């Protein structure tokens, strides 16, 4: 039975395409960013370095890929930045996405006023998420920065995804 005859045109769609290693929190600093900055730079990195990919994986896509066992070959010791655009539960409370959780839209390179959400693979194929419960980015208030969510000095992978599969309305 094809996926379209089962009612879900996205059934069997592969989400995760691969990863680009060795990226700091300022994605525009990469040679593969092709002059772009922020999330657009991440997209360029994916297009340049991960054949077939279309964009940086969003947190929700990573969860889908995890559930489908698409991350099963990512080796223990790997860390990757998390690009989040949806509310997530962090320490039992809802946390909205924001620039204080993604190194100010992937343009901030130190640690005193912003955080960088990320994931680790402590076991091959099994991600552990490190999300921010306070994603405020305020240049005048360093109280929002958390030591365990560094931007500056952190080098991580960027997870890249295939084109999104969107079910028709």
Protein backbone atom coordinates (compact mmCIF):
# COMPACT_ATOMS: atom_id res chain seq x y z
CA UNK A 1 0.00 0.00 0.00
CA UNK A 2 1.47 3.37 -0.93
CA UNK A 3 1.65 6.18 1.57
CA UNK A 4 -0.85 8.26 -0.41
CA UNK A 5 -3.45 5.48 -0.38
CA UNK A 6 -3.07 5.09 3.38
CA UNK A 7 -4.15 8.70 3.93
CA UNK A 8 -0.81 10.09 5.11
CA UNK A 9 1.34 11.40 2.24
CA UNK A 10 4.23 11.89 4.68
CA UNK A 11 4.30 8.26 5.81
CA UNK A 12 7.77 6.90 5.14
CA UNK A 13 9.25 10.37 4.56
CA UNK A 14 12.84 10.60 5.79
CA UNK A 15 13.53 13.76 7.79
CA UNK A 16 17.21 13.76 8.79
CA UNK A 17 19.72 14.16 5.95
CA UNK A 18 23.03 14.40 7.81
CA UNK A 19 25.19 16.82 9.77
CA UNK A 20 27.85 19.45 9.32
CA UNK A 21 30.53 19.18 12.00
CA UNK A 22 32.73 21.86 13.54
CA UNK A 23 30.39 24.85 13.74
CA UNK A 24 30.57 27.58 16.35
CA UNK A 25 27.57 29.65 17.42
CA UNK A 26 28.12 32.29 14.70
CA UNK A 27 27.03 30.33 11.67
CA UNK A 28 27.96 33.10 9.25
CA UNK A 29 31.63 32.59 10.13
CA UNK A 30 31.66 29.30 8.21
CA UNK A 31 33.17 29.33 4.72
CA UNK A 32 30.13 27.31 3.59
CA UNK A 33 27.74 30.07 4.74
CA UNK A 34 28.22 31.80 1.38
CA UNK A 35 28.07 35.27 2.92
CA UNK A 36 24.82 34.68 4.80
CA UNK A 37 24.31 35.19 8.53
CA UNK A 38 22.23 33.51 11.21
CA UNK A 39 19.77 30.79 10.24
CA UNK A 40 20.22 31.60 6.53
CA UNK A 41 23.92 30.78 7.01
CA UNK A 42 22.93 27.46 8.58
CA UNK A 43 20.79 26.67 5.55
CA UNK A 44 23.72 27.45 3.25
CA UNK A 45 26.00 25.22 5.34
CA UNK A 46 23.50 22.37 5.01
CA UNK A 47 23.08 22.90 1.26
CA UNK A 48 26.87 23.01 0.77
CA UNK A 49 27.92 20.18 3.04
CA UNK A 50 25.05 17.69 3.29
CA UNK A 51 23.93 16.41 -0.13
CA UNK A 52 20.17 16.42 -0.57
CA UNK A 53 19.47 18.47 2.54
CA UNK A 54 17.24 21.53 2.37
CA UNK A 55 17.60 23.35 5.72
CA UNK A 56 18.73 23.22 9.34
CA UNK A 57 16.57 20.76 11.25
CA UNK A 58 14.13 22.35 13.62
CA UNK A 59 13.79 20.83 17.11
CA UNK A 60 10.44 19.28 16.14
CA UNK A 61 12.04 17.61 13.11
CA UNK A 62 14.82 16.23 15.30
CA UNK A 63 12.17 14.68 17.55
CA UNK A 64 10.50 13.10 14.48
CA UNK A 65 13.87 11.80 13.23
CA UNK A 66 14.66 10.41 16.68
CA UNK A 67 11.33 8.59 16.85
CA UNK A 68 11.93 7.12 13.38
CA UNK A 69 15.44 5.92 14.42
CA UNK A 70 17.02 8.17 11.78
CA UNK A 71 19.66 9.36 14.25
CA UNK A 72 20.78 5.83 15.14
CA UNK A 73 24.22 6.14 13.53
CA UNK A 74 25.26 9.41 15.20
CA UNK A 75 28.15 8.38 17.40
CA UNK A 76 28.49 8.89 21.13
CA UNK A 77 30.32 12.10 21.95
CA UNK A 78 28.63 14.12 19.20
CA UNK A 79 27.00 17.42 20.14
CA UNK A 80 24.73 19.50 17.90
CA UNK A 81 23.07 22.90 18.09
CA UNK A 82 19.28 22.92 18.54
CA UNK A 83 17.25 25.31 16.38
CA UNK A 84 13.91 25.61 18.18
CA UNK A 85 10.83 27.51 16.98
CA UNK A 86 8.20 25.90 19.20
CA UNK A 87 7.39 25.75 22.90
CA UNK A 88 9.07 22.86 24.71
CA UNK A 89 8.78 21.57 28.24
CA UNK A 90 11.95 22.42 30.17
CA UNK A 91 12.23 21.42 33.82
CA UNK A 92 8.49 20.76 33.92
CA UNK A 93 7.45 24.16 32.57
CA UNK A 94 6.72 25.44 29.05
CA UNK A 95 9.60 27.38 27.50
CA UNK A 96 9.02 29.52 24.42
CA UNK A 97 11.78 29.71 21.81
CA UNK A 98 13.78 32.90 21.61
CA UNK A 99 17.08 34.52 20.71
CA UNK A 100 18.43 33.90 24.21
CA UNK A 101 18.30 30.17 23.48
CA UNK A 102 19.87 30.19 20.02
CA UNK A 103 22.89 32.46 20.47
CA UNK A 104 20.88 35.47 19.28
CA UNK A 105 19.75 33.85 16.05
CA UNK A 106 23.18 32.21 15.61
CA UNK A 107 25.10 35.50 15.58
CA UNK A 108 26.37 35.75 19.20
CA UNK A 109 29.80 34.42 20.14
CA UNK A 110 30.32 34.91 23.88
CA UNK A 111 28.61 33.63 27.03
CA UNK A 112 27.59 36.55 29.19
CA UNK A 113 24.11 37.47 27.82
CA UNK A 114 22.83 34.51 25.80
CA UNK A 115 22.60 30.76 25.63
CA UNK A 116 22.88 28.07 22.99
CA UNK A 117 20.51 25.12 23.16
CA UNK A 118 22.08 21.88 22.07
CA UNK A 119 21.88 18.10 22.23
CA UNK A 120 24.43 15.46 23.08
CA UNK A 121 24.75 11.86 22.11
CA UNK A 122 26.02 10.26 25.30
CA UNK A 123 25.11 6.91 23.74
CA UNK A 124 25.28 6.28 19.98
CA UNK A 125 21.98 7.22 18.36
CA UNK A 126 20.32 8.52 21.54
CA UNK A 127 20.07 12.31 21.91
CA UNK A 128 19.87 14.13 25.22
CA UNK A 129 18.41 17.61 24.90
CA UNK A 130 19.82 20.65 26.72
CA UNK A 131 17.13 23.31 26.38
CA UNK A 132 16.83 26.78 27.85
CA UNK A 133 14.05 27.60 30.29
CA UNK A 134 14.73 31.34 29.84
CA UNK A 135 15.26 32.26 26.18
CA UNK A 136 15.32 36.02 26.75
CA UNK A 137 18.20 37.85 25.05
CA UNK A 138 18.82 41.15 26.80
CA UNK A 139 22.13 42.92 26.18
CA UNK A 140 21.61 44.92 29.38
CA UNK A 141 20.82 41.99 31.68
CA UNK A 142 23.28 39.08 31.86
CA UNK A 143 21.06 37.27 34.39
CA UNK A 144 19.47 35.26 31.56
CA UNK A 145 22.70 33.46 30.59
CA UNK A 146 23.22 29.94 31.95
CA UNK A 147 26.69 28.42 32.22
CA UNK A 148 25.53 25.00 31.02
CA UNK A 149 24.24 26.40 27.69
CA UNK A 150 27.34 28.08 26.24
CA UNK A 151 27.54 29.93 22.97
CA UNK A 152 31.14 31.13 23.12
CA UNK A 153 33.81 28.51 22.72
CA UNK A 154 31.33 25.77 21.82
CA UNK A 155 31.90 23.88 18.58
CA UNK A 156 29.02 21.61 17.59
CA UNK A 157 27.39 19.97 14.61
CA UNK A 158 24.46 21.41 12.70
CA UNK A 159 21.78 18.83 11.92
CA UNK A 160 20.43 19.13 8.39
CA UNK A 161 17.05 17.91 7.15
CA UNK A 162 15.47 17.05 3.85
CA UNK A 163 12.66 19.16 2.46
CA UNK A 164 9.72 19.14 4.85
CA UNK A 165 6.86 16.84 4.03
CA UNK A 166 3.66 18.82 4.42
CA UNK A 167 0.31 17.07 4.40
CA UNK A 168 -2.32 18.84 2.31
CA UNK A 169 -5.09 20.60 4.26
